[in-house]
C-alpha cells in the first residue's frame, strides 16, 4: 500500500511538472509579443532566396519596423508604398530598417515583381521576407493585415499597430514622426503637425 502510494505520488508530481513546463513555454511565447518584451526570433527567406535572421540585426539599428502584409492582397503593396513614402519624406536622423513579412507568397495571385520594384526604386532600407511557414505569424499572433510592430534597437517590442483603421494609421504615422525626429512630415500621411514637428502622441 505504501509503495503504491509513493509510486502514484511520483507519477502525479511528474505529470504536474510536465504541465507546468508546457504552460510556462506557452506563456513565454505570448509574453514575447507584448510591449517591452523581446520580439520572437525568426529565420525567413527574402524574395531573392537569401536567409535572414532577426536576432542577427540586434543593436544594429535604432528602430526596426516589422510590417506583416498579405501578399496576394492589392492593398498590401499600397500600404507598403505609403510606408516607404513616409520615410522618403521624413528623412529620419536615426538609422532604421523596414522588414516586410509577406504571407501567402505561394499564392498564384502574388505579384512578386511589384514588391521587388518598390524595393529597387527607393533608398529606404527595406527587406522583403516570405512567410510561407505560418509559424512566424503564430509567434507574433497576427490576426489581421497590415500589422506593424515597432522594435527598439535591442529588438524589444515598443509598439504594436494591428489592423489599420484610419485612427490607428494616423496615430502610427504621428508617433513615427515624433520619435524619429522627421525633418518634414509625410505628405500622404500628415497629421496636425506644423512643419514636421509633432507634439508627443497619446501613449508616448
N, C-alpha and C. Protein backbone atom coordinates (compact mmCIF):
# COMPACT_ATOMS: atom_id res chain seq x y z
N UNK A 1 0.83 -1.20 0.00
CA UNK A 1 0.00 0.00 0.00
C UNK A 1 0.87 1.26 0.00
N UNK A 2 1.88 1.31 0.92
CA UNK A 2 2.76 2.45 0.99
C UNK A 2 3.59 2.61 -0.26
N UNK A 3 4.02 1.48 -0.85
CA UNK A 3 4.82 1.52 -2.07
C UNK A 3 3.99 2.05 -3.23
N UNK A 4 2.75 1.59 -3.36
CA UNK A 4 1.87 2.05 -4.44
C UNK A 4 1.54 3.53 -4.29
N UNK A 5 1.39 3.95 -3.02
CA UNK A 5 1.09 5.37 -2.76
C UNK A 5 2.25 6.26 -3.20
N UNK A 6 3.47 5.83 -2.86
CA UNK A 6 4.64 6.61 -3.25
C UNK A 6 4.79 6.66 -4.77
N UNK A 7 4.52 5.52 -5.42
CA UNK A 7 4.62 5.45 -6.88
C UNK A 7 3.60 6.38 -7.54
N UNK A 8 2.36 6.37 -6.99
CA UNK A 8 1.32 7.25 -7.54
C UNK A 8 1.68 8.71 -7.34
N UNK A 9 2.26 9.01 -6.17
CA UNK A 9 2.65 10.37 -5.86
C UNK A 9 3.72 10.87 -6.82
N UNK A 10 4.68 9.98 -7.13
CA UNK A 10 5.75 10.34 -8.08
C UNK A 10 5.18 10.60 -9.46
N UNK A 11 4.24 9.76 -9.89
CA UNK A 11 3.62 9.92 -11.20
C UNK A 11 2.87 11.25 -11.27
N UNK A 12 2.09 11.55 -10.21
CA UNK A 12 1.33 12.80 -10.17
C UNK A 12 2.26 14.01 -10.21
N UNK A 13 3.38 13.93 -9.46
CA UNK A 13 4.35 15.03 -9.46
C UNK A 13 4.97 15.23 -10.83
N UNK A 14 5.30 14.12 -11.50
CA UNK A 14 5.89 14.21 -12.84
C UNK A 14 4.91 14.83 -13.84
N UNK A 15 3.65 14.40 -13.77
CA UNK A 15 2.63 14.96 -14.66
C UNK A 15 2.46 16.46 -14.39
N UNK A 16 2.45 16.82 -13.10
CA UNK A 16 2.31 18.23 -12.73
C UNK A 16 3.47 19.06 -13.27
N UNK A 17 4.69 18.52 -13.18
CA UNK A 17 5.87 19.23 -13.69
C UNK A 17 5.79 19.40 -15.19
N UNK A 18 5.32 18.37 -15.90
CA UNK A 18 5.20 18.46 -17.36
C UNK A 18 4.18 19.53 -17.73
N UNK A 19 3.04 19.56 -17.03
CA UNK A 19 2.01 20.56 -17.31
C UNK A 19 2.54 21.97 -17.05
N UNK A 20 3.24 22.14 -15.95
CA UNK A 20 3.83 23.46 -15.62
C UNK A 20 4.82 23.88 -16.69
N UNK A 21 5.65 22.92 -17.15
CA UNK A 21 6.65 23.22 -18.19
C UNK A 21 5.98 23.66 -19.48
N UNK A 22 4.91 22.95 -19.87
CA UNK A 22 4.19 23.29 -21.11
C UNK A 22 3.54 24.67 -21.00
N UNK A 23 2.85 24.90 -19.86
CA UNK A 23 2.19 26.19 -19.67
C UNK A 23 3.20 27.33 -19.61
N UNK A 24 4.34 27.05 -19.01
CA UNK A 24 5.39 28.06 -18.94
C UNK A 24 5.89 28.42 -20.33
N UNK A 25 6.06 27.40 -21.18
CA UNK A 25 6.52 27.64 -22.55
C UNK A 25 5.52 28.45 -23.34
N UNK A 26 4.21 28.14 -23.15
CA UNK A 26 3.17 28.89 -23.85
C UNK A 26 3.16 30.33 -23.41
N UNK A 27 3.25 30.56 -22.09
CA UNK A 27 3.20 31.93 -21.58
C UNK A 27 4.39 32.74 -22.06
N UNK A 28 5.56 32.09 -22.23
CA UNK A 28 6.73 32.80 -22.71
C UNK A 28 6.55 33.27 -24.13
N UNK A 29 5.90 32.42 -24.96
CA UNK A 29 5.66 32.80 -26.35
C UNK A 29 4.76 34.04 -26.41
N UNK A 30 3.67 34.04 -25.62
CA UNK A 30 2.77 35.17 -25.63
C UNK A 30 3.42 36.41 -25.03
N UNK A 31 4.27 36.21 -24.03
CA UNK A 31 4.94 37.35 -23.41
C UNK A 31 5.86 38.04 -24.40
N UNK A 32 6.42 37.27 -25.33
CA UNK A 32 7.34 37.85 -26.30
C UNK A 32 6.65 38.87 -27.21
N UNK A 33 5.34 38.78 -27.35
CA UNK A 33 4.62 39.67 -28.25
C UNK A 33 4.04 40.88 -27.54
N UNK A 34 4.39 41.06 -26.30
CA UNK A 34 3.88 42.18 -25.53
C UNK A 34 4.86 43.35 -25.56
N UNK A 35 4.35 44.53 -25.27
CA UNK A 35 5.18 45.73 -25.21
C UNK A 35 6.31 45.51 -24.21
N UNK A 36 7.51 45.89 -24.61
CA UNK A 36 8.74 45.81 -23.81
C UNK A 36 9.32 44.40 -23.70
N UNK A 37 8.67 43.41 -24.31
CA UNK A 37 9.21 42.04 -24.31
C UNK A 37 10.04 41.81 -25.58
N UNK A 38 11.00 40.89 -25.53
CA UNK A 38 11.79 40.59 -26.74
C UNK A 38 10.91 40.06 -27.87
N UNK A 39 11.13 40.53 -29.06
CA UNK A 39 10.38 40.03 -30.22
C UNK A 39 10.81 38.60 -30.52
N UNK A 40 9.88 37.72 -30.90
CA UNK A 40 10.26 36.35 -31.24
C UNK A 40 11.25 36.33 -32.40
N UNK A 41 12.29 35.54 -32.26
CA UNK A 41 13.27 35.42 -33.34
C UNK A 41 12.66 34.61 -34.48
N UNK A 42 13.16 34.81 -35.69
CA UNK A 42 12.72 34.02 -36.83
C UNK A 42 13.82 33.97 -37.87
N UNK A 43 13.76 32.94 -38.68
CA UNK A 43 14.64 32.81 -39.84
C UNK A 43 13.75 32.62 -41.06
N UNK A 44 13.83 33.57 -42.00
CA UNK A 44 13.00 33.54 -43.20
C UNK A 44 13.84 33.79 -44.43
N UNK A 45 13.30 33.42 -45.59
CA UNK A 45 13.95 33.70 -46.86
C UNK A 45 13.42 35.02 -47.41
N UNK A 46 14.33 35.83 -47.96
CA UNK A 46 13.85 37.03 -48.64
C UNK A 46 13.41 36.65 -50.05
N UNK A 47 12.91 37.62 -50.82
CA UNK A 47 12.36 37.31 -52.14
C UNK A 47 13.43 36.95 -53.15
N UNK A 48 14.70 37.12 -52.77
CA UNK A 48 15.81 36.70 -53.63
C UNK A 48 16.40 35.37 -53.19
N UNK A 49 15.78 34.75 -52.17
CA UNK A 49 16.24 33.44 -51.72
C UNK A 49 17.32 33.47 -50.67
N UNK A 50 17.67 34.68 -50.19
CA UNK A 50 18.70 34.79 -49.15
C UNK A 50 18.05 34.60 -47.77
N UNK A 51 18.84 34.05 -46.84
CA UNK A 51 18.34 33.80 -45.49
C UNK A 51 18.51 35.03 -44.60
N UNK A 52 17.48 35.33 -43.84
CA UNK A 52 17.51 36.46 -42.92
C UNK A 52 17.09 35.98 -41.54
N UNK A 53 17.87 36.35 -40.50
CA UNK A 53 17.51 36.03 -39.12
C UNK A 53 17.40 37.32 -38.33
N UNK A 54 16.30 37.47 -37.61
CA UNK A 54 16.05 38.71 -36.89
C UNK A 54 17.14 39.01 -35.86
N UNK A 55 17.50 38.03 -35.06
CA UNK A 55 18.46 38.28 -33.96
C UNK A 55 19.84 38.72 -34.44
N UNK A 56 20.13 38.51 -35.71
CA UNK A 56 21.44 38.93 -36.22
C UNK A 56 21.55 40.43 -36.41
N UNK A 57 20.44 41.14 -36.34
CA UNK A 57 20.50 42.61 -36.50
C UNK A 57 20.30 43.32 -35.16
N UNK A 58 20.41 42.59 -34.07
CA UNK A 58 20.25 43.20 -32.76
C UNK A 58 21.29 44.30 -32.55
N UNK A 59 20.82 45.46 -32.10
CA UNK A 59 21.67 46.63 -31.83
C UNK A 59 22.36 47.22 -33.06
N UNK A 60 21.90 46.84 -34.25
CA UNK A 60 22.46 47.41 -35.48
C UNK A 60 21.65 48.61 -35.97
N UNK A 61 20.39 48.69 -35.55
CA UNK A 61 19.51 49.78 -35.98
C UNK A 61 18.83 50.39 -34.76
N UNK A 62 18.59 51.69 -34.84
CA UNK A 62 17.88 52.35 -33.75
C UNK A 62 16.45 51.86 -33.66
N UNK A 63 15.85 51.65 -34.84
CA UNK A 63 14.48 51.16 -34.90
C UNK A 63 14.37 50.10 -35.99
N UNK A 64 13.54 49.10 -35.72
CA UNK A 64 13.19 48.09 -36.74
C UNK A 64 11.67 48.03 -36.80
N UNK A 65 11.13 48.19 -37.99
CA UNK A 65 9.68 48.08 -38.18
C UNK A 65 9.37 46.80 -38.92
N UNK A 66 8.60 45.93 -38.30
CA UNK A 66 8.17 44.69 -38.96
C UNK A 66 6.74 44.90 -39.43
N UNK A 67 6.56 44.86 -40.73
CA UNK A 67 5.24 45.07 -41.31
C UNK A 67 4.74 43.73 -41.87
N UNK A 68 3.67 43.21 -41.30
CA UNK A 68 3.07 41.96 -41.76
C UNK A 68 1.99 42.30 -42.79
N UNK A 69 2.16 41.77 -44.00
CA UNK A 69 1.26 42.07 -45.10
C UNK A 69 0.77 40.79 -45.76
N UNK A 70 -0.39 40.87 -46.38
CA UNK A 70 -0.92 39.74 -47.13
C UNK A 70 -0.54 39.92 -48.59
N UNK A 71 0.35 39.07 -49.05
CA UNK A 71 1.00 39.28 -50.34
C UNK A 71 0.03 39.27 -51.52
N UNK A 72 -1.06 38.52 -51.43
CA UNK A 72 -1.97 38.43 -52.56
C UNK A 72 -3.11 39.45 -52.49
N UNK A 73 -2.95 40.43 -51.58
CA UNK A 73 -3.95 41.48 -51.45
C UNK A 73 -3.37 42.76 -52.04
N UNK A 74 -4.07 43.36 -52.99
CA UNK A 74 -3.55 44.56 -53.65
C UNK A 74 -3.32 45.71 -52.68
N UNK A 75 -4.03 45.70 -51.56
CA UNK A 75 -3.87 46.75 -50.57
C UNK A 75 -2.50 46.69 -49.90
N UNK A 76 -1.88 45.52 -49.92
CA UNK A 76 -0.59 45.35 -49.26
C UNK A 76 0.50 46.21 -49.90
N UNK A 77 0.58 46.19 -51.22
CA UNK A 77 1.61 46.97 -51.90
C UNK A 77 1.34 48.46 -51.69
N UNK A 78 0.06 48.84 -51.60
CA UNK A 78 -0.27 50.25 -51.37
C UNK A 78 0.17 50.69 -49.98
N UNK A 79 -0.08 49.87 -48.97
CA UNK A 79 0.31 50.22 -47.61
C UNK A 79 1.83 50.26 -47.47
N UNK A 80 2.50 49.35 -48.13
CA UNK A 80 3.96 49.35 -48.09
C UNK A 80 4.52 50.58 -48.81
N UNK A 81 3.90 50.95 -49.91
CA UNK A 81 4.30 52.16 -50.64
C UNK A 81 4.14 53.40 -49.78
N UNK A 82 3.03 53.46 -49.04
CA UNK A 82 2.80 54.60 -48.15
C UNK A 82 3.87 54.67 -47.07
N UNK A 83 4.26 53.51 -46.55
CA UNK A 83 5.29 53.48 -45.51
C UNK A 83 6.64 53.93 -46.08
N UNK A 84 6.96 53.47 -47.28
CA UNK A 84 8.20 53.89 -47.95
C UNK A 84 8.16 55.39 -48.22
N UNK A 85 7.02 55.89 -48.71
CA UNK A 85 6.89 57.33 -48.99
C UNK A 85 7.07 58.15 -47.72
N UNK A 86 6.54 57.64 -46.62
CA UNK A 86 6.70 58.35 -45.35
C UNK A 86 8.18 58.54 -45.03
N UNK A 87 8.97 57.48 -45.14
CA UNK A 87 10.39 57.58 -44.80
C UNK A 87 11.17 58.39 -45.82
N UNK A 88 10.74 58.37 -47.07
CA UNK A 88 11.39 59.22 -48.07
C UNK A 88 11.20 60.69 -47.73
N UNK A 89 10.03 61.03 -47.20
CA UNK A 89 9.75 62.41 -46.81
C UNK A 89 10.30 62.75 -45.44
N UNK A 90 10.29 61.78 -44.55
CA UNK A 90 10.69 62.01 -43.16
C UNK A 90 12.19 62.27 -43.02
N UNK A 91 12.99 61.47 -43.73
CA UNK A 91 14.46 61.56 -43.63
C UNK A 91 14.91 61.54 -42.16
N UNK A 92 14.68 60.41 -41.47
CA UNK A 92 14.98 60.33 -40.04
C UNK A 92 16.47 60.51 -39.75
N UNK A 93 16.74 61.06 -38.58
CA UNK A 93 18.13 61.20 -38.15
C UNK A 93 18.69 59.85 -37.72
N UNK A 94 17.84 58.99 -37.14
CA UNK A 94 18.28 57.68 -36.67
C UNK A 94 18.30 56.66 -37.81
N UNK A 95 19.18 55.65 -37.67
CA UNK A 95 19.17 54.57 -38.66
C UNK A 95 18.06 53.58 -38.31
N UNK A 96 17.51 52.97 -39.32
CA UNK A 96 16.33 52.11 -39.15
C UNK A 96 16.30 51.08 -40.26
N UNK A 97 15.43 50.08 -40.10
CA UNK A 97 15.23 49.05 -41.13
C UNK A 97 13.76 48.70 -41.18
N UNK A 98 13.24 48.59 -42.40
CA UNK A 98 11.88 48.09 -42.61
C UNK A 98 11.95 46.62 -43.01
N UNK A 99 11.21 45.80 -42.31
CA UNK A 99 11.07 44.39 -42.67
C UNK A 99 9.62 44.16 -43.08
N UNK A 100 9.40 43.78 -44.33
CA UNK A 100 8.06 43.46 -44.79
C UNK A 100 7.94 41.94 -44.86
N UNK A 101 7.11 41.38 -43.99
CA UNK A 101 6.90 39.93 -43.96
C UNK A 101 5.60 39.64 -44.70
N UNK A 102 5.72 38.94 -45.81
CA UNK A 102 4.60 38.72 -46.72
C UNK A 102 4.03 37.32 -46.54
N UNK A 103 2.77 37.26 -46.12
CA UNK A 103 2.08 35.99 -46.01
C UNK A 103 1.46 35.63 -47.36
N UNK A 104 1.26 34.35 -47.60
CA UNK A 104 0.61 33.84 -48.83
C UNK A 104 1.43 34.12 -50.09
N UNK A 105 2.76 34.08 -49.98
CA UNK A 105 3.58 34.31 -51.16
C UNK A 105 3.53 33.14 -52.14
N UNK A 106 3.03 31.99 -51.68
CA UNK A 106 2.90 30.85 -52.59
C UNK A 106 1.64 30.94 -53.43
N UNK A 107 0.77 31.92 -53.13
CA UNK A 107 -0.47 32.09 -53.86
C UNK A 107 -0.19 32.57 -55.29
N UNK A 108 -0.92 32.07 -56.24
CA UNK A 108 -0.69 32.41 -57.65
C UNK A 108 -0.95 33.88 -57.95
N UNK A 109 -1.72 34.55 -57.10
CA UNK A 109 -2.03 35.97 -57.31
C UNK A 109 -0.94 36.89 -56.78
N UNK A 110 0.05 36.33 -56.12
CA UNK A 110 1.13 37.15 -55.56
C UNK A 110 1.95 37.78 -56.68
N UNK A 111 1.99 39.11 -56.68
CA UNK A 111 2.71 39.85 -57.72
C UNK A 111 4.09 40.25 -57.18
N UNK A 112 4.98 39.30 -57.23
CA UNK A 112 6.32 39.47 -56.65
C UNK A 112 7.06 40.67 -57.24
N UNK A 113 6.92 40.88 -58.54
CA UNK A 113 7.65 41.96 -59.21
C UNK A 113 7.31 43.34 -58.65
N UNK A 114 6.06 43.53 -58.27
CA UNK A 114 5.65 44.84 -57.75
C UNK A 114 6.38 45.16 -56.45
N UNK A 115 6.52 44.16 -55.59
CA UNK A 115 7.23 44.37 -54.32
C UNK A 115 8.71 44.61 -54.57
N UNK A 116 9.28 43.82 -55.47
CA UNK A 116 10.71 43.98 -55.76
C UNK A 116 10.99 45.32 -56.42
N UNK A 117 10.12 45.76 -57.31
CA UNK A 117 10.30 47.06 -57.97
C UNK A 117 10.22 48.21 -56.96
N UNK A 118 9.33 48.06 -55.99
CA UNK A 118 9.23 49.07 -54.93
C UNK A 118 10.53 49.12 -54.14
N UNK A 119 11.07 47.97 -53.86
CA UNK A 119 12.34 47.89 -53.12
C UNK A 119 13.48 48.53 -53.90
N UNK A 120 13.50 48.31 -55.21
CA UNK A 120 14.59 48.81 -56.05
C UNK A 120 14.52 50.31 -56.28
N UNK A 121 13.33 50.86 -56.29
CA UNK A 121 13.19 52.28 -56.65
C UNK A 121 13.46 53.24 -55.50
N UNK A 122 13.65 52.73 -54.30
CA UNK A 122 13.82 53.60 -53.15
C UNK A 122 15.15 53.36 -52.46
N UNK A 123 15.62 54.40 -51.77
CA UNK A 123 16.82 54.26 -50.95
C UNK A 123 16.47 53.91 -49.51
N UNK A 124 15.18 53.83 -49.22
CA UNK A 124 14.74 53.42 -47.89
C UNK A 124 15.17 51.97 -47.66
N UNK A 125 15.84 51.67 -46.53
CA UNK A 125 16.30 50.30 -46.28
C UNK A 125 15.13 49.37 -45.98
N UNK A 126 14.85 48.49 -46.92
CA UNK A 126 13.70 47.59 -46.78
C UNK A 126 14.10 46.18 -47.20
N UNK A 127 13.70 45.21 -46.40
CA UNK A 127 13.94 43.80 -46.70
C UNK A 127 12.60 43.11 -46.83
N UNK A 128 12.39 42.41 -47.94
CA UNK A 128 11.14 41.72 -48.22
C UNK A 128 11.31 40.24 -47.89
N UNK A 129 10.50 39.74 -46.96
CA UNK A 129 10.63 38.36 -46.49
C UNK A 129 9.36 37.58 -46.78
N UNK A 130 9.55 36.31 -47.10
CA UNK A 130 8.42 35.43 -47.40
C UNK A 130 8.09 34.58 -46.19
N UNK A 131 6.81 34.63 -45.78
CA UNK A 131 6.37 33.83 -44.63
C UNK A 131 5.51 32.66 -45.10
N UNK A 132 6.10 31.77 -45.89
CA UNK A 132 5.37 30.59 -46.34
C UNK A 132 5.04 29.67 -45.16
N UNK A 133 5.93 29.64 -44.17
CA UNK A 133 5.67 28.91 -42.94
C UNK A 133 4.86 29.82 -42.02
N UNK A 134 3.75 29.30 -41.51
CA UNK A 134 2.86 30.12 -40.69
C UNK A 134 3.37 30.31 -39.26
N UNK A 135 4.48 29.69 -38.91
CA UNK A 135 4.95 29.75 -37.52
C UNK A 135 5.22 31.19 -37.07
N UNK A 136 5.85 31.97 -37.93
CA UNK A 136 6.16 33.35 -37.55
C UNK A 136 4.87 34.14 -37.33
N UNK A 137 3.83 33.85 -38.10
CA UNK A 137 2.55 34.53 -37.93
C UNK A 137 1.91 34.14 -36.60
N UNK A 138 2.08 32.88 -36.22
CA UNK A 138 1.55 32.42 -34.94
C UNK A 138 2.34 33.02 -33.78
N UNK A 139 3.67 33.07 -33.93
CA UNK A 139 4.51 33.62 -32.86
C UNK A 139 4.18 35.07 -32.58
N UNK A 140 3.83 35.81 -33.64
CA UNK A 140 3.51 37.23 -33.48
C UNK A 140 2.01 37.47 -33.33
N UNK A 141 1.23 36.39 -33.31
CA UNK A 141 -0.22 36.46 -33.11
C UNK A 141 -0.89 37.40 -34.11
N UNK A 142 -0.55 37.24 -35.38
CA UNK A 142 -1.10 38.10 -36.42
C UNK A 142 -2.53 37.68 -36.72
N UNK A 143 -3.45 38.61 -36.52
CA UNK A 143 -4.88 38.33 -36.74
C UNK A 143 -5.46 39.14 -37.89
N UNK A 144 -4.73 40.12 -38.37
CA UNK A 144 -5.22 40.94 -39.48
C UNK A 144 -4.08 41.69 -40.13
N UNK A 145 -4.33 42.17 -41.35
CA UNK A 145 -3.30 42.87 -42.12
C UNK A 145 -3.79 44.26 -42.50
N UNK A 146 -2.88 45.24 -42.55
CA UNK A 146 -1.48 45.12 -42.11
C UNK A 146 -1.37 45.19 -40.59
N UNK A 147 -0.38 44.53 -40.05
CA UNK A 147 0.01 44.69 -38.64
C UNK A 147 1.47 45.14 -38.63
N UNK A 148 1.74 46.21 -37.92
CA UNK A 148 3.11 46.73 -37.87
C UNK A 148 3.59 46.73 -36.43
N UNK A 149 4.77 46.17 -36.22
CA UNK A 149 5.36 46.09 -34.89
C UNK A 149 6.66 46.88 -34.91
N UNK A 150 6.76 47.83 -34.00
CA UNK A 150 7.94 48.68 -33.90
C UNK A 150 8.86 48.13 -32.81
N UNK A 151 10.11 47.86 -33.17
CA UNK A 151 11.09 47.33 -32.23
C UNK A 151 12.15 48.37 -31.92
N UNK A 152 12.68 48.31 -30.71
CA UNK A 152 13.82 49.13 -30.33
C UNK A 152 15.09 48.50 -30.87
N UNK A 153 16.22 49.14 -30.62
CA UNK A 153 17.49 48.61 -31.12
C UNK A 153 17.84 47.26 -30.50
N UNK A 154 17.31 46.97 -29.29
CA UNK A 154 17.57 45.68 -28.65
C UNK A 154 16.55 44.63 -29.06
N UNK A 155 15.72 44.96 -30.04
CA UNK A 155 14.69 44.07 -30.60
C UNK A 155 13.59 43.73 -29.60
N UNK A 156 13.38 44.62 -28.64
CA UNK A 156 12.21 44.51 -27.77
C UNK A 156 11.07 45.31 -28.39
N UNK A 157 9.86 44.84 -28.17
CA UNK A 157 8.68 45.46 -28.79
C UNK A 157 8.40 46.81 -28.13
N UNK A 158 8.27 47.83 -28.96
CA UNK A 158 7.95 49.18 -28.45
C UNK A 158 6.49 49.52 -28.67
N UNK A 159 5.98 49.21 -29.86
CA UNK A 159 4.58 49.48 -30.16
C UNK A 159 4.05 48.39 -31.09
N UNK A 160 2.74 48.12 -30.99
CA UNK A 160 2.06 47.18 -31.89
C UNK A 160 0.86 47.90 -32.49
N UNK A 161 0.81 47.92 -33.82
CA UNK A 161 -0.32 48.52 -34.54
C UNK A 161 -0.99 47.43 -35.37
N UNK A 162 -2.17 47.02 -34.96
CA UNK A 162 -2.85 45.91 -35.61
C UNK A 162 -4.07 46.40 -36.39
N UNK A 163 -4.22 45.89 -37.60
CA UNK A 163 -5.38 46.18 -38.45
C UNK A 163 -5.61 47.69 -38.57
N UNK A 164 -4.99 48.30 -39.52
CA UNK A 164 -5.03 49.76 -39.66
C UNK A 164 -6.43 50.30 -39.94
N UNK A 165 -7.06 50.84 -38.94
CA UNK A 165 -8.21 51.70 -39.17
C UNK A 165 -7.63 53.09 -39.44
N UNK A 166 -8.47 54.04 -39.84
CA UNK A 166 -7.98 55.40 -40.10
C UNK A 166 -7.35 55.98 -38.84
N UNK A 167 -7.98 55.73 -37.69
CA UNK A 167 -7.47 56.28 -36.43
C UNK A 167 -6.11 55.66 -36.08
N UNK A 168 -6.01 54.34 -36.22
CA UNK A 168 -4.75 53.65 -35.90
C UNK A 168 -3.64 54.11 -36.84
N UNK A 169 -3.96 54.24 -38.12
CA UNK A 169 -2.95 54.64 -39.10
C UNK A 169 -2.45 56.06 -38.82
N UNK A 170 -3.37 56.97 -38.50
CA UNK A 170 -2.98 58.34 -38.20
C UNK A 170 -2.09 58.38 -36.96
N UNK A 171 -2.47 57.63 -35.94
CA UNK A 171 -1.69 57.57 -34.71
C UNK A 171 -0.29 57.00 -34.97
N UNK A 172 -0.23 55.97 -35.82
CA UNK A 172 1.04 55.33 -36.16
C UNK A 172 2.01 56.32 -36.81
N UNK A 173 1.55 57.05 -37.82
CA UNK A 173 2.43 57.97 -38.53
C UNK A 173 2.79 59.18 -37.66
N UNK A 174 1.86 59.61 -36.82
CA UNK A 174 2.19 60.72 -35.91
C UNK A 174 3.27 60.27 -34.93
N UNK A 175 3.15 59.05 -34.44
CA UNK A 175 4.14 58.53 -33.49
C UNK A 175 5.51 58.42 -34.15
N UNK A 176 5.55 57.88 -35.37
CA UNK A 176 6.82 57.76 -36.09
C UNK A 176 7.45 59.13 -36.31
N UNK A 177 6.64 60.10 -36.72
CA UNK A 177 7.14 61.45 -36.96
C UNK A 177 7.79 62.02 -35.70
N UNK A 178 7.17 61.75 -34.57
CA UNK A 178 7.68 62.28 -33.30
C UNK A 178 8.99 61.59 -32.89
N UNK A 179 9.00 60.25 -32.84
CA UNK A 179 10.18 59.56 -32.29
C UNK A 179 11.38 59.57 -33.23
N UNK A 180 11.12 59.73 -34.53
CA UNK A 180 12.22 59.66 -35.49
C UNK A 180 12.71 61.04 -35.91
N UNK A 181 12.22 62.06 -35.25
CA UNK A 181 12.70 63.43 -35.49
C UNK A 181 12.72 63.75 -36.98
N UNK A 182 11.56 63.58 -37.61
CA UNK A 182 11.47 63.83 -39.05
C UNK A 182 11.84 65.27 -39.39
N UNK A 183 12.56 65.42 -40.50
CA UNK A 183 12.90 66.75 -40.98
C UNK A 183 11.69 67.46 -41.55
N UNK A 184 10.77 66.67 -42.12
CA UNK A 184 9.48 67.21 -42.55
C UNK A 184 8.48 66.08 -42.52
N UNK A 185 7.22 66.41 -42.40
CA UNK A 185 6.21 65.39 -42.25
C UNK A 185 5.86 64.77 -43.59
N UNK A 186 5.35 63.53 -43.53
CA UNK A 186 5.00 62.80 -44.76
C UNK A 186 3.80 63.45 -45.43
N UNK A 187 3.86 63.60 -46.76
CA UNK A 187 2.79 64.28 -47.48
C UNK A 187 1.47 63.54 -47.43
N UNK A 188 1.53 62.21 -47.57
CA UNK A 188 0.29 61.46 -47.70
C UNK A 188 -0.21 60.91 -46.38
N UNK A 189 0.50 61.15 -45.29
CA UNK A 189 0.01 60.69 -44.00
C UNK A 189 0.22 61.77 -42.96
N UNK A 190 0.01 63.01 -43.37
CA UNK A 190 0.25 64.14 -42.49
C UNK A 190 -0.83 64.24 -41.43
N UNK A 191 -0.45 64.49 -40.19
CA UNK A 191 -1.41 64.76 -39.14
C UNK A 191 -1.40 66.26 -38.90
N UNK A 192 -1.82 66.70 -37.73
CA UNK A 192 -1.86 68.12 -37.46
C UNK A 192 -0.51 68.62 -36.95
N UNK A 193 0.57 68.26 -37.63
CA UNK A 193 1.91 68.67 -37.22
C UNK A 193 2.31 69.90 -38.02
N UNK A 194 2.92 70.86 -37.38
CA UNK A 194 3.38 72.06 -38.06
C UNK A 194 4.84 71.93 -38.46
N UNK A 195 5.10 72.06 -39.76
CA UNK A 195 6.47 72.00 -40.29
C UNK A 195 7.20 70.72 -39.88
N UNK A 196 6.43 69.63 -39.78
CA UNK A 196 7.05 68.35 -39.47
C UNK A 196 7.33 68.14 -38.00
N UNK A 197 6.98 69.10 -37.15
CA UNK A 197 7.23 68.96 -35.71
C UNK A 197 5.91 68.60 -35.03
N UNK A 198 5.89 67.40 -34.43
CA UNK A 198 4.65 66.93 -33.78
C UNK A 198 4.78 66.96 -32.28
N UNK A 199 3.67 67.21 -31.59
CA UNK A 199 3.68 67.05 -30.13
C UNK A 199 3.75 65.57 -29.80
N UNK A 200 4.12 65.21 -28.56
CA UNK A 200 4.14 63.79 -28.20
C UNK A 200 2.76 63.18 -28.40
N UNK A 201 2.66 62.07 -29.15
CA UNK A 201 1.36 61.45 -29.39
C UNK A 201 0.84 60.78 -28.12
N UNK A 202 -0.45 60.50 -28.11
CA UNK A 202 -1.07 59.86 -26.95
C UNK A 202 -0.40 58.52 -26.67
N UNK A 203 -0.10 58.25 -25.42
CA UNK A 203 0.50 56.98 -25.05
C UNK A 203 1.99 56.96 -25.17
N UNK A 204 2.64 58.11 -25.47
CA UNK A 204 4.09 58.12 -25.62
C UNK A 204 4.77 57.80 -24.29
